[in-house]
Amino acid sequence: MTTLIIIFSILLFLFLISLIKINVIAEYRNKPKVTLKILFIKVNIIKEKKAKKKSTSNKPKSQTKKKNTKKKTKKNDTKKESKSTALLKKQGVSGLLDILKRLLSIAKGSLSNFFKYFIIHNFDVKVTLGGDDPSDTALGYGAVCAVVYPVMGRLYTSLNIEDYTADVVCDFNEDSKTTAFAYLYGSIRIIFILKIALGALFKLIKTYLKMKFR
């Protein structure tokens, strides 16, 4: 009885963890920034890069190290070539093309399933057009509107977007510059990510077995 309670409690705990949402916050203001938030944990996927300090030491590298690295790269290249040639001999050109098609279909299906379960709660895009010449700014305004609004409408119909705003404005003041701002806030539950990953893994194993016993 105690073992059943322990197993049930573990399964319940795993199920509750799978219901946790992974929040995605993407922002573009001069530079892109992407942050993942799981409960109280934040992970910066894409953040602003800091300038690297140049090393002041001018120590010469040894020639023996260069020779060893060249030998290693040559060995790795020959290994890769032997594996690829062996695979080509075994499967043939048609077999390799069939494998590539299967891999592309798996990637495409996984991506479509991800966007099926990924909910975009807020999506904002704002473009401010500026410049010295008002006529050029007006022409640019028309060109940008012809791209931004149809694209946002297409995304709204194809993705799970709850709320979005698209705004294109002109700034005719002197010394004004063209700026762009984008903000996206979405979420997906862990259970759906596990479902997508397990489905892709099953298809990859199936493809591997077909390739091996062909």
N, C-alpha and C. Protein backbone atom coordinates (compact mmCIF):
# COMPACT_ATOMS: atom_id res chain seq x y z
N MET A 1 0.83 -1.22 0.00
CA MET A 1 0.00 0.00 0.00
C MET A 1 0.86 1.26 0.00
N THR A 2 1.90 1.24 0.81
CA THR A 2 2.79 2.41 0.87
C THR A 2 3.51 2.65 -0.46
N THR A 3 3.88 1.56 -1.14
CA THR A 3 4.56 1.71 -2.44
C THR A 3 3.61 2.34 -3.47
N LEU A 4 2.33 1.94 -3.44
CA LEU A 4 1.36 2.54 -4.36
C LEU A 4 1.18 4.02 -4.09
N ILE A 5 1.18 4.38 -2.81
CA ILE A 5 1.05 5.80 -2.44
C ILE A 5 2.25 6.59 -2.93
N ILE A 6 3.45 5.99 -2.79
CA ILE A 6 4.68 6.67 -3.22
C ILE A 6 4.68 6.85 -4.74
N ILE A 7 4.29 5.78 -5.47
CA ILE A 7 4.25 5.86 -6.93
C ILE A 7 3.22 6.89 -7.38
N PHE A 8 2.04 6.86 -6.75
CA PHE A 8 1.00 7.82 -7.11
C PHE A 8 1.43 9.26 -6.83
N SER A 9 2.10 9.47 -5.69
CA SER A 9 2.56 10.82 -5.35
C SER A 9 3.64 11.31 -6.32
N ILE A 10 4.53 10.39 -6.77
CA ILE A 10 5.56 10.77 -7.74
C ILE A 10 4.93 11.14 -9.08
N LEU A 11 3.96 10.30 -9.51
CA LEU A 11 3.28 10.59 -10.78
C LEU A 11 2.50 11.90 -10.71
N LEU A 12 1.87 12.14 -9.56
CA LEU A 12 1.13 13.39 -9.39
C LEU A 12 2.07 14.59 -9.41
N PHE A 13 3.24 14.43 -8.78
CA PHE A 13 4.24 15.51 -8.76
C PHE A 13 4.75 15.81 -10.17
N LEU A 14 5.04 14.75 -10.95
CA LEU A 14 5.51 14.93 -12.32
C LEU A 14 4.43 15.57 -13.19
N PHE A 15 3.17 15.18 -12.95
CA PHE A 15 2.07 15.76 -13.72
C PHE A 15 1.92 17.24 -13.42
N LEU A 16 2.04 17.61 -12.15
CA LEU A 16 1.94 19.02 -11.79
C LEU A 16 3.09 19.83 -12.37
N ILE A 17 4.29 19.24 -12.40
CA ILE A 17 5.43 19.93 -13.01
C ILE A 17 5.20 20.13 -14.51
N SER A 18 4.60 19.12 -15.17
CA SER A 18 4.36 19.23 -16.61
C SER A 18 3.34 20.32 -16.95
N LEU A 19 2.52 20.71 -15.98
CA LEU A 19 1.53 21.76 -16.22
C LEU A 19 2.12 23.17 -16.08
N ILE A 20 3.36 23.26 -15.62
CA ILE A 20 3.99 24.58 -15.45
C ILE A 20 4.22 25.22 -16.81
N LYS A 21 4.00 26.52 -16.87
CA LYS A 21 4.19 27.26 -18.12
C LYS A 21 5.62 27.76 -18.24
N ILE A 22 6.12 27.73 -19.46
CA ILE A 22 7.39 28.38 -19.80
C ILE A 22 7.05 29.67 -20.53
N ASN A 23 7.33 30.78 -19.91
CA ASN A 23 7.03 32.09 -20.48
C ASN A 23 8.21 32.58 -21.31
N VAL A 24 7.90 33.09 -22.48
CA VAL A 24 8.91 33.63 -23.40
C VAL A 24 8.66 35.12 -23.57
N ILE A 25 9.68 35.91 -23.29
CA ILE A 25 9.60 37.37 -23.44
C ILE A 25 10.68 37.79 -24.42
N ALA A 26 10.25 38.23 -25.59
CA ALA A 26 11.18 38.69 -26.63
C ALA A 26 10.96 40.17 -26.87
N GLU A 27 12.06 40.90 -26.97
CA GLU A 27 11.99 42.35 -27.14
C GLU A 27 13.07 42.81 -28.09
N TYR A 28 12.70 43.74 -28.94
CA TYR A 28 13.69 44.34 -29.84
C TYR A 28 13.61 45.86 -29.71
N ARG A 29 14.72 46.41 -29.24
CA ARG A 29 14.89 47.87 -29.16
C ARG A 29 16.36 48.15 -29.44
N ASN A 30 16.68 48.37 -30.71
CA ASN A 30 18.06 48.50 -31.20
C ASN A 30 18.79 47.15 -31.22
N LYS A 31 18.57 46.33 -30.19
CA LYS A 31 19.19 45.00 -30.13
C LYS A 31 18.16 43.99 -29.63
N PRO A 32 18.22 42.74 -30.14
CA PRO A 32 17.25 41.73 -29.68
C PRO A 32 17.57 41.23 -28.27
N LYS A 33 16.53 40.84 -27.57
CA LYS A 33 16.66 40.30 -26.21
C LYS A 33 15.56 39.28 -25.99
N VAL A 34 15.93 38.05 -25.61
CA VAL A 34 14.97 36.97 -25.39
C VAL A 34 15.22 36.40 -24.00
N THR A 35 14.14 36.29 -23.22
CA THR A 35 14.22 35.80 -21.85
C THR A 35 13.18 34.70 -21.64
N LEU A 36 13.61 33.60 -21.02
CA LEU A 36 12.69 32.54 -20.61
C LEU A 36 12.43 32.66 -19.11
N LYS A 37 11.17 32.49 -18.73
CA LYS A 37 10.80 32.60 -17.32
C LYS A 37 9.99 31.37 -16.93
N ILE A 38 10.52 30.60 -15.98
CA ILE A 38 9.84 29.42 -15.44
C ILE A 38 9.63 29.65 -13.95
N LEU A 39 8.39 29.88 -13.54
CA LEU A 39 8.05 30.25 -12.17
C LEU A 39 8.83 31.51 -11.79
N PHE A 40 9.79 31.39 -10.87
CA PHE A 40 10.56 32.56 -10.44
C PHE A 40 11.97 32.59 -11.04
N ILE A 41 12.24 31.69 -11.98
CA ILE A 41 13.58 31.59 -12.57
C ILE A 41 13.57 32.26 -13.94
N LYS A 42 14.53 33.15 -14.17
CA LYS A 42 14.68 33.84 -15.45
C LYS A 42 15.99 33.42 -16.10
N VAL A 43 15.92 33.11 -17.37
CA VAL A 43 17.11 32.71 -18.13
C VAL A 43 17.17 33.58 -19.38
N ASN A 44 18.28 34.30 -19.55
CA ASN A 44 18.48 35.16 -20.72
C ASN A 44 19.07 34.32 -21.86
N ILE A 45 18.28 34.12 -22.90
CA ILE A 45 18.75 33.35 -24.05
C ILE A 45 19.59 34.23 -24.97
N ILE A 46 19.06 35.39 -25.31
CA ILE A 46 19.79 36.37 -26.13
C ILE A 46 19.86 37.66 -25.34
N LYS A 47 21.05 38.12 -25.06
CA LYS A 47 21.23 39.36 -24.32
C LYS A 47 22.30 40.20 -24.99
N GLU A 48 22.41 41.43 -24.53
CA GLU A 48 23.38 42.35 -25.12
C GLU A 48 24.80 41.86 -24.86
N LYS A 49 25.58 41.85 -25.92
CA LYS A 49 26.96 41.39 -25.82
C LYS A 49 27.86 42.51 -25.32
N LYS A 50 28.68 42.16 -24.37
CA LYS A 50 29.65 43.13 -23.85
C LYS A 50 30.91 43.11 -24.69
N ALA A 51 31.54 44.26 -24.80
CA ALA A 51 32.78 44.36 -25.59
C ALA A 51 33.90 43.59 -24.92
N LYS A 52 34.53 42.73 -25.68
CA LYS A 52 35.62 41.93 -25.15
C LYS A 52 36.90 42.74 -25.07
N LYS A 53 37.62 42.54 -23.99
CA LYS A 53 38.89 43.23 -23.81
C LYS A 53 39.97 42.54 -24.61
N LYS A 54 40.75 43.35 -25.29
CA LYS A 54 41.85 42.80 -26.08
C LYS A 54 42.99 42.39 -25.17
N SER A 55 43.53 41.25 -25.43
CA SER A 55 44.63 40.75 -24.61
C SER A 55 45.91 41.50 -24.96
N THR A 56 46.62 41.91 -23.93
CA THR A 56 47.87 42.67 -24.13
C THR A 56 49.07 41.77 -24.34
N SER A 57 48.93 40.51 -23.98
CA SER A 57 50.07 39.60 -24.10
C SER A 57 50.28 39.22 -25.56
N ASN A 58 51.49 39.30 -26.03
CA ASN A 58 51.86 38.98 -27.41
C ASN A 58 52.80 37.76 -27.45
N LYS A 59 52.37 36.70 -26.78
CA LYS A 59 53.20 35.51 -26.72
C LYS A 59 53.05 34.72 -28.01
N PRO A 60 54.15 34.31 -28.63
CA PRO A 60 54.06 33.52 -29.88
C PRO A 60 53.61 32.10 -29.59
N LYS A 61 52.76 31.58 -30.47
CA LYS A 61 52.28 30.22 -30.31
C LYS A 61 53.31 29.25 -30.88
N SER A 62 53.41 28.11 -30.27
CA SER A 62 54.38 27.11 -30.70
C SER A 62 53.93 26.43 -31.98
N GLN A 63 54.88 26.07 -32.81
CA GLN A 63 54.58 25.45 -34.09
C GLN A 63 54.12 24.00 -33.92
N THR A 64 54.55 23.37 -32.82
CA THR A 64 54.15 21.98 -32.58
C THR A 64 52.65 21.89 -32.34
N LYS A 65 52.09 22.86 -31.62
CA LYS A 65 50.64 22.87 -31.37
C LYS A 65 49.88 23.02 -32.67
N LYS A 66 50.36 23.89 -33.56
CA LYS A 66 49.71 24.09 -34.85
C LYS A 66 49.73 22.80 -35.66
N LYS A 67 50.86 22.10 -35.65
CA LYS A 67 50.96 20.85 -36.39
C LYS A 67 50.01 19.81 -35.84
N ASN A 68 49.91 19.72 -34.49
CA ASN A 68 49.01 18.75 -33.87
C ASN A 68 47.55 19.05 -34.20
N THR A 69 47.19 20.35 -34.18
CA THR A 69 45.81 20.71 -34.50
C THR A 69 45.49 20.42 -35.95
N LYS A 70 46.47 20.64 -36.85
CA LYS A 70 46.26 20.33 -38.26
C LYS A 70 46.07 18.83 -38.47
N LYS A 71 46.86 18.02 -37.75
CA LYS A 71 46.73 16.58 -37.86
C LYS A 71 45.36 16.11 -37.36
N LYS A 72 44.91 16.71 -36.25
CA LYS A 72 43.60 16.34 -35.69
C LYS A 72 42.47 16.69 -36.63
N THR A 73 42.54 17.89 -37.23
CA THR A 73 41.49 18.30 -38.16
C THR A 73 41.48 17.41 -39.40
N LYS A 74 42.67 17.01 -39.87
CA LYS A 74 42.75 16.11 -41.02
C LYS A 74 42.14 14.75 -40.69
N LYS A 75 42.41 14.25 -39.48
CA LYS A 75 41.85 12.96 -39.06
C LYS A 75 40.34 13.04 -38.95
N ASN A 76 39.83 14.15 -38.37
CA ASN A 76 38.39 14.32 -38.24
C ASN A 76 37.71 14.41 -39.60
N ASP A 77 38.37 15.13 -40.55
CA ASP A 77 37.81 15.26 -41.90
C ASP A 77 37.75 13.91 -42.61
N THR A 78 38.82 13.11 -42.43
CA THR A 78 38.83 11.79 -43.07
C THR A 78 37.78 10.87 -42.48
N LYS A 79 37.55 10.99 -41.15
CA LYS A 79 36.52 10.19 -40.50
C LYS A 79 35.14 10.56 -41.01
N LYS A 80 34.90 11.90 -41.12
CA LYS A 80 33.61 12.36 -41.62
C LYS A 80 33.38 11.91 -43.06
N GLU A 81 34.45 12.00 -43.87
CA GLU A 81 34.33 11.59 -45.26
C GLU A 81 34.05 10.10 -45.38
N SER A 82 34.72 9.28 -44.54
CA SER A 82 34.51 7.84 -44.59
C SER A 82 33.10 7.47 -44.17
N LYS A 83 32.54 8.14 -43.15
CA LYS A 83 31.18 7.88 -42.71
C LYS A 83 30.17 8.26 -43.78
N SER A 84 30.38 9.44 -44.38
CA SER A 84 29.45 9.90 -45.41
C SER A 84 29.50 9.01 -46.65
N THR A 85 30.72 8.59 -47.04
CA THR A 85 30.84 7.71 -48.21
C THR A 85 30.23 6.34 -47.94
N ALA A 86 30.42 5.84 -46.71
CA ALA A 86 29.82 4.55 -46.35
C ALA A 86 28.30 4.63 -46.37
N LEU A 87 27.76 5.74 -45.85
CA LEU A 87 26.31 5.93 -45.87
C LEU A 87 25.78 6.05 -47.29
N LEU A 88 26.54 6.75 -48.15
CA LEU A 88 26.13 6.91 -49.54
C LEU A 88 26.16 5.57 -50.29
N LYS A 89 27.17 4.75 -50.01
CA LYS A 89 27.26 3.44 -50.65
C LYS A 89 26.13 2.53 -50.20
N LYS A 90 25.78 2.62 -48.92
CA LYS A 90 24.75 1.74 -48.37
C LYS A 90 23.35 2.14 -48.83
N GLN A 91 23.05 3.44 -48.75
CA GLN A 91 21.71 3.91 -49.04
C GLN A 91 21.51 4.32 -50.50
N GLY A 92 22.55 4.83 -51.11
CA GLY A 92 22.40 5.36 -52.46
C GLY A 92 21.89 6.79 -52.43
N VAL A 93 21.88 7.41 -53.59
CA VAL A 93 21.44 8.81 -53.67
C VAL A 93 19.96 8.94 -53.34
N SER A 94 19.15 8.01 -53.88
CA SER A 94 17.70 8.07 -53.60
C SER A 94 17.41 7.83 -52.13
N GLY A 95 18.19 6.93 -51.50
CA GLY A 95 18.00 6.67 -50.07
C GLY A 95 18.34 7.87 -49.21
N LEU A 96 19.45 8.55 -49.56
CA LEU A 96 19.84 9.76 -48.81
C LEU A 96 18.81 10.87 -48.98
N LEU A 97 18.29 11.02 -50.19
CA LEU A 97 17.25 12.03 -50.41
C LEU A 97 15.98 11.71 -49.61
N ASP A 98 15.66 10.42 -49.54
CA ASP A 98 14.49 10.01 -48.75
C ASP A 98 14.70 10.29 -47.27
N ILE A 99 15.92 10.07 -46.77
CA ILE A 99 16.23 10.35 -45.36
C ILE A 99 16.12 11.85 -45.08
N LEU A 100 16.67 12.66 -46.00
CA LEU A 100 16.60 14.12 -45.83
C LEU A 100 15.15 14.61 -45.84
N LYS A 101 14.32 14.03 -46.71
CA LYS A 101 12.91 14.40 -46.74
C LYS A 101 12.21 14.05 -45.43
N ARG A 102 12.55 12.87 -44.89
CA ARG A 102 11.94 12.45 -43.62
C ARG A 102 12.36 13.38 -42.48
N LEU A 103 13.66 13.75 -42.46
CA LEU A 103 14.14 14.64 -41.40
C LEU A 103 13.52 16.02 -41.50
N LEU A 104 13.37 16.52 -42.73
CA LEU A 104 12.73 17.82 -42.92
C LEU A 104 11.26 17.79 -42.53
N SER A 105 10.58 16.68 -42.81
CA SER A 105 9.17 16.57 -42.42
C SER A 105 9.02 16.48 -40.91
N ILE A 106 9.98 15.80 -40.24
CA ILE A 106 9.95 15.73 -38.77
C ILE A 106 10.15 17.11 -38.16
N ALA A 107 11.14 17.86 -38.70
CA ALA A 107 11.39 19.22 -38.20
C ALA A 107 10.21 20.14 -38.45
N LYS A 108 9.61 20.03 -39.64
CA LYS A 108 8.46 20.86 -39.98
C LYS A 108 7.27 20.53 -39.09
N GLY A 109 7.03 19.24 -38.86
CA GLY A 109 5.91 18.84 -38.00
C GLY A 109 6.11 19.28 -36.56
N SER A 110 7.35 19.17 -36.05
CA SER A 110 7.63 19.61 -34.68
C SER A 110 7.44 21.11 -34.53
N LEU A 111 7.87 21.87 -35.54
CA LEU A 111 7.72 23.33 -35.48
C LEU A 111 6.25 23.74 -35.54
N SER A 112 5.48 23.08 -36.41
CA SER A 112 4.05 23.41 -36.50
C SER A 112 3.32 23.02 -35.22
N ASN A 113 3.71 21.91 -34.60
CA ASN A 113 3.09 21.52 -33.33
C ASN A 113 3.45 22.49 -32.21
N PHE A 114 4.69 23.01 -32.25
CA PHE A 114 5.09 23.98 -31.23
C PHE A 114 4.22 25.24 -31.31
N PHE A 115 4.04 25.77 -32.52
CA PHE A 115 3.23 26.98 -32.67
C PHE A 115 1.74 26.69 -32.48
N LYS A 116 1.36 25.42 -32.55
CA LYS A 116 -0.02 25.05 -32.26
C LYS A 116 -0.33 25.22 -30.78
N TYR A 117 0.65 24.90 -29.92
CA TYR A 117 0.44 24.98 -28.47
C TYR A 117 1.01 26.26 -27.86
N PHE A 118 1.83 26.98 -28.61
CA PHE A 118 2.43 28.21 -28.09
C PHE A 118 1.42 29.35 -28.21
N ILE A 119 1.07 29.95 -27.08
CA ILE A 119 0.08 31.03 -27.05
C ILE A 119 0.80 32.36 -26.88
N ILE A 120 0.55 33.29 -27.80
CA ILE A 120 1.12 34.63 -27.73
C ILE A 120 0.09 35.53 -27.07
N HIS A 121 0.39 35.95 -25.85
CA HIS A 121 -0.55 36.77 -25.09
C HIS A 121 -0.52 38.23 -25.54
N ASN A 122 0.64 38.70 -25.91
CA ASN A 122 0.78 40.11 -26.30
C ASN A 122 1.87 40.23 -27.35
N PHE A 123 1.56 40.96 -28.42
CA PHE A 123 2.51 41.16 -29.51
C PHE A 123 2.36 42.59 -30.01
N ASP A 124 3.39 43.40 -29.78
CA ASP A 124 3.34 44.81 -30.14
C ASP A 124 4.48 45.13 -31.10
N VAL A 125 4.15 45.90 -32.12
CA VAL A 125 5.14 46.36 -33.10
C VAL A 125 4.90 47.84 -33.35
N LYS A 126 5.97 48.63 -33.24
CA LYS A 126 5.87 50.06 -33.51
C LYS A 126 7.07 50.50 -34.32
N VAL A 127 6.80 51.21 -35.40
CA VAL A 127 7.86 51.74 -36.27
C VAL A 127 7.67 53.24 -36.38
N THR A 128 8.70 53.99 -36.05
CA THR A 128 8.67 55.45 -36.17
C THR A 128 9.63 55.86 -37.27
N LEU A 129 9.09 56.53 -38.29
CA LEU A 129 9.89 56.93 -39.44
C LEU A 129 10.28 58.40 -39.32
N GLY A 130 11.56 58.65 -39.50
CA GLY A 130 12.07 60.01 -39.42
C GLY A 130 13.09 60.26 -40.49
N GLY A 131 13.48 61.51 -40.63
CA GLY A 131 14.47 61.88 -41.64
C GLY A 131 14.47 63.36 -41.90
N ASP A 132 15.43 63.79 -42.68
CA ASP A 132 15.55 65.21 -43.00
C ASP A 132 14.52 65.67 -44.02
N ASP A 133 14.20 64.79 -44.98
CA ASP A 133 13.28 65.16 -46.06
C ASP A 133 11.89 64.62 -45.75
N PRO A 134 10.86 65.49 -45.58
CA PRO A 134 9.51 65.01 -45.28
C PRO A 134 8.91 64.16 -46.40
N SER A 135 9.26 64.45 -47.65
CA SER A 135 8.71 63.66 -48.76
C SER A 135 9.23 62.23 -48.73
N ASP A 136 10.51 62.06 -48.42
CA ASP A 136 11.08 60.71 -48.30
C ASP A 136 10.45 59.97 -47.12
N THR A 137 10.19 60.71 -46.04
CA THR A 137 9.56 60.09 -44.87
C THR A 137 8.15 59.61 -45.20
N ALA A 138 7.41 60.41 -45.96
CA ALA A 138 6.05 60.02 -46.35
C ALA A 138 6.07 58.80 -47.27
N LEU A 139 7.00 58.76 -48.20
CA LEU A 139 7.11 57.61 -49.09
C LEU A 139 7.50 56.34 -48.31
N GLY A 140 8.43 56.51 -47.37
CA GLY A 140 8.80 55.39 -46.52
C GLY A 140 7.65 54.90 -45.66
N TYR A 141 6.81 55.85 -45.22
CA TYR A 141 5.64 55.49 -44.41
C TYR A 141 4.70 54.58 -45.20
N GLY A 142 4.45 54.93 -46.45
CA GLY A 142 3.58 54.10 -47.28
C GLY A 142 4.16 52.72 -47.52
N ALA A 143 5.48 52.65 -47.77
CA ALA A 143 6.12 51.36 -48.04
C ALA A 143 6.10 50.47 -46.80
N VAL A 144 6.37 51.06 -45.61
CA VAL A 144 6.39 50.27 -44.38
C VAL A 144 4.98 49.80 -44.01
N CYS A 145 3.98 50.66 -44.19
CA CYS A 145 2.58 50.27 -43.91
C CYS A 145 2.15 49.11 -44.80
N ALA A 146 2.61 49.12 -46.05
CA ALA A 146 2.25 48.06 -46.99
C ALA A 146 2.83 46.71 -46.59
N VAL A 147 3.85 46.72 -45.72
CA VAL A 147 4.47 45.47 -45.28
C VAL A 147 3.99 45.08 -43.88
N VAL A 148 4.00 46.03 -42.94
CA VAL A 148 3.75 45.71 -41.54
C VAL A 148 2.32 45.23 -41.30
N TYR A 149 1.33 45.98 -41.78
CA TYR A 149 -0.07 45.64 -41.47
C TYR A 149 -0.52 44.32 -42.09
N PRO A 150 -0.21 44.02 -43.37
CA PRO A 150 -0.59 42.70 -43.89
C PRO A 150 0.11 41.54 -43.18
N VAL A 151 1.40 41.73 -42.82
CA VAL A 151 2.13 40.67 -42.14
C VAL A 151 1.54 40.41 -40.75
N MET A 152 1.22 41.47 -40.02
CA MET A 152 0.63 41.30 -38.69
C MET A 152 -0.74 40.63 -38.77
N GLY A 153 -1.53 41.00 -39.79
CA GLY A 153 -2.82 40.35 -39.96
C GLY A 153 -2.69 38.87 -40.30
N ARG A 154 -1.70 38.54 -41.12
CA ARG A 154 -1.46 37.13 -41.48
C ARG A 154 -1.00 36.34 -40.26
N LEU A 155 -0.13 36.91 -39.45
CA LEU A 155 0.33 36.24 -38.24
C LEU A 155 -0.83 36.04 -37.25
N TYR A 156 -1.72 37.01 -37.16
CA TYR A 156 -2.85 36.90 -36.24
C TYR A 156 -3.79 35.76 -36.63
N THR A 157 -3.95 35.54 -37.91
CA THR A 157 -4.85 34.47 -38.36
C THR A 157 -4.19 33.09 -38.30
N SER A 158 -2.86 33.03 -38.42
CA SER A 158 -2.18 31.74 -38.46
C SER A 158 -1.65 31.28 -37.11
N LEU A 159 -1.38 32.21 -36.19
CA LEU A 159 -0.84 31.85 -34.86
C LEU A 159 -1.87 32.11 -33.78
N ASN A 160 -1.59 31.57 -32.58
CA ASN A 160 -2.47 31.76 -31.43
C ASN A 160 -2.12 33.09 -30.74
N ILE A 161 -2.59 34.19 -31.29
CA ILE A 161 -2.31 35.52 -30.75
C ILE A 161 -3.58 36.05 -30.09
N GLU A 162 -3.46 36.36 -28.80
CA GLU A 162 -4.62 36.88 -28.07
C GLU A 162 -4.80 38.38 -28.30
N ASP A 163 -3.71 39.12 -28.28
CA ASP A 163 -3.79 40.57 -28.43
C ASP A 163 -2.55 41.08 -29.14
N TYR A 164 -2.74 41.99 -30.09
CA TYR A 164 -1.60 42.56 -30.79
C TYR A 164 -1.91 43.99 -31.21
N THR A 165 -0.85 44.77 -31.34
CA THR A 165 -0.96 46.14 -31.83
C THR A 165 0.15 46.38 -32.84
N ALA A 166 -0.19 47.06 -33.92
CA ALA A 166 0.78 47.44 -34.95
C ALA A 166 0.60 48.93 -35.22
N ASP A 167 1.67 49.67 -35.09
CA ASP A 167 1.59 51.13 -35.22
C ASP A 167 2.78 51.62 -36.03
N VAL A 168 2.48 52.39 -37.08
CA VAL A 168 3.50 53.02 -37.91
C VAL A 168 3.23 54.52 -37.93
N VAL A 169 4.19 55.29 -37.45
CA VAL A 169 3.99 56.75 -37.36
C VAL A 169 5.17 57.47 -38.03
N CYS A 170 4.93 58.73 -38.34
CA CYS A 170 5.97 59.58 -38.94
C CYS A 170 6.38 60.65 -37.94
N ASP A 171 7.66 60.96 -37.95
CA ASP A 171 8.20 62.03 -37.12
C ASP A 171 8.88 63.03 -38.06
N PHE A 172 8.23 64.18 -38.27
CA PHE A 172 8.75 65.18 -39.21
C PHE A 172 9.65 66.21 -38.55
N ASN A 173 9.99 66.00 -37.31
CA ASN A 173 10.89 66.93 -36.63
C ASN A 173 12.31 66.79 -37.17
N GLU A 174 13.08 67.87 -37.01
CA GLU A 174 14.47 67.84 -37.46
C GLU A 174 15.29 66.90 -36.58
N ASP A 175 16.29 66.29 -37.20
CA ASP A 175 17.19 65.35 -36.53
C ASP A 175 16.45 64.11 -36.00
N SER A 176 15.30 63.81 -36.57
CA SER A 176 14.57 62.60 -36.16
C SER A 176 15.14 61.38 -36.88
N LYS A 177 15.08 60.25 -36.24
CA LYS A 177 15.63 59.02 -36.78
C LYS A 177 14.54 57.94 -36.87
N THR A 178 14.77 56.99 -37.74
CA THR A 178 13.85 55.86 -37.88
C THR A 178 14.18 54.82 -36.81
N THR A 179 13.18 54.46 -36.03
CA THR A 179 13.36 53.49 -34.96
C THR A 179 12.29 52.40 -35.08
N ALA A 180 12.62 51.23 -34.57
CA ALA A 180 11.68 50.10 -34.58
C ALA A 180 11.67 49.46 -33.21
N PHE A 181 10.47 49.08 -32.77
CA PHE A 181 10.30 48.43 -31.47
C PHE A 181 9.34 47.25 -31.63
N ALA A 182 9.69 46.13 -31.01
CA ALA A 182 8.83 44.94 -31.05
C ALA A 182 8.89 44.26 -29.68
N TYR A 183 7.73 43.78 -29.25
CA TYR A 183 7.63 43.11 -27.94
C TYR A 183 6.68 41.92 -28.09
N LEU A 184 7.13 40.78 -27.59
CA LEU A 184 6.32 39.56 -27.64
C LEU A 184 6.35 38.87 -26.29
N TYR A 185 5.18 38.49 -25.83
CA TYR A 185 5.06 37.74 -24.58
C TYR A 185 4.16 36.53 -24.83
N GLY A 186 4.73 35.33 -24.71
CA GLY A 186 3.99 34.11 -24.96
C GLY A 186 4.34 33.04 -23.94
N SER A 187 3.61 31.93 -24.01
CA SER A 187 3.85 30.85 -23.06
C SER A 187 3.44 29.52 -23.67
N ILE A 188 4.05 28.46 -23.15
CA ILE A 188 3.73 27.09 -23.53
C ILE A 188 3.96 26.20 -22.31
N ARG A 189 3.11 25.20 -22.14
CA ARG A 189 3.24 24.30 -20.99
C ARG A 189 4.29 23.23 -21.28
N ILE A 190 4.93 22.76 -20.20
CA ILE A 190 6.00 21.76 -20.33
C ILE A 190 5.46 20.45 -20.90
N ILE A 191 4.21 20.12 -20.59
CA ILE A 191 3.63 18.86 -21.07
C ILE A 191 3.56 18.84 -22.60
N PHE A 192 3.32 19.99 -23.21
CA PHE A 192 3.26 20.05 -24.68
C PHE A 192 4.64 19.94 -25.29
N ILE A 193 5.65 20.52 -24.61
CA ILE A 193 7.03 20.39 -25.10
C ILE A 193 7.48 18.93 -25.04
N LEU A 194 7.12 18.24 -23.95
CA LEU A 194 7.45 16.82 -23.83
C LEU A 194 6.74 16.01 -24.91
N LYS A 195 5.50 16.36 -25.19
CA LYS A 195 4.74 15.66 -26.24
C LYS A 195 5.39 15.84 -27.60
N ILE A 196 5.81 17.07 -27.91
CA ILE A 196 6.46 17.35 -29.20
C ILE A 196 7.81 16.63 -29.29
N ALA A 197 8.58 16.67 -28.19
CA ALA A 197 9.90 16.04 -28.18
C ALA A 197 9.81 14.53 -28.30
N LEU A 198 8.87 13.91 -27.59
CA LEU A 198 8.71 12.46 -27.66
C LEU A 198 8.22 12.02 -29.04
N GLY A 199 7.32 12.81 -29.63
CA GLY A 199 6.86 12.49 -30.98
C GLY A 199 7.97 12.57 -32.01
N ALA A 200 8.81 13.61 -31.90
CA ALA A 200 9.94 13.75 -32.82
C ALA A 200 10.97 12.64 -32.60
N LEU A 201 11.20 12.26 -31.33
CA LEU A 201 12.15 11.19 -31.02
C LEU A 201 11.67 9.85 -31.57
N PHE A 202 10.39 9.58 -31.44
CA PHE A 202 9.82 8.33 -31.98
C PHE A 202 9.98 8.28 -33.49
N LYS A 203 9.73 9.38 -34.17
CA LYS A 203 9.87 9.42 -35.63
C LYS A 203 11.33 9.27 -36.05
N LEU A 204 12.26 9.87 -35.28
CA LEU A 204 13.68 9.73 -35.59
C LEU A 204 14.15 8.29 -35.42
N ILE A 205 13.69 7.62 -34.36
CA ILE A 205 14.04 6.21 -34.15
C ILE A 205 13.50 5.35 -35.28
N LYS A 206 12.28 5.64 -35.70
CA LYS A 206 11.66 4.90 -36.80
C LYS A 206 12.45 5.09 -38.10
N THR A 207 12.88 6.33 -38.35
CA THR A 207 13.68 6.61 -39.55
C THR A 207 15.04 5.91 -39.47
N TYR A 208 15.65 5.91 -38.29
CA TYR A 208 16.95 5.24 -38.11
C TYR A 208 16.85 3.73 -38.34
N LEU A 209 15.78 3.13 -37.82
CA LEU A 209 15.61 1.69 -38.00
C LEU A 209 15.38 1.33 -39.47
N LYS A 210 14.62 2.16 -40.17
CA LYS A 210 14.40 1.92 -41.60
C LYS A 210 15.69 2.06 -42.38
N MET A 211 16.52 3.04 -41.98
CA MET A 211 17.80 3.27 -42.65
C MET A 211 18.78 2.13 -42.36
N LYS A 212 18.71 1.57 -41.15
CA LYS A 212 19.67 0.53 -40.77
C LYS A 212 19.34 -0.81 -41.42
N PHE A 213 18.08 -1.17 -41.46
CA PHE A 213 17.67 -2.47 -41.97
C PHE A 213 17.15 -2.41 -43.40
N ARG A 214 17.57 -1.41 -44.12
CA ARG A 214 17.12 -1.27 -45.51
C ARG A 214 17.91 -2.21 -46.41
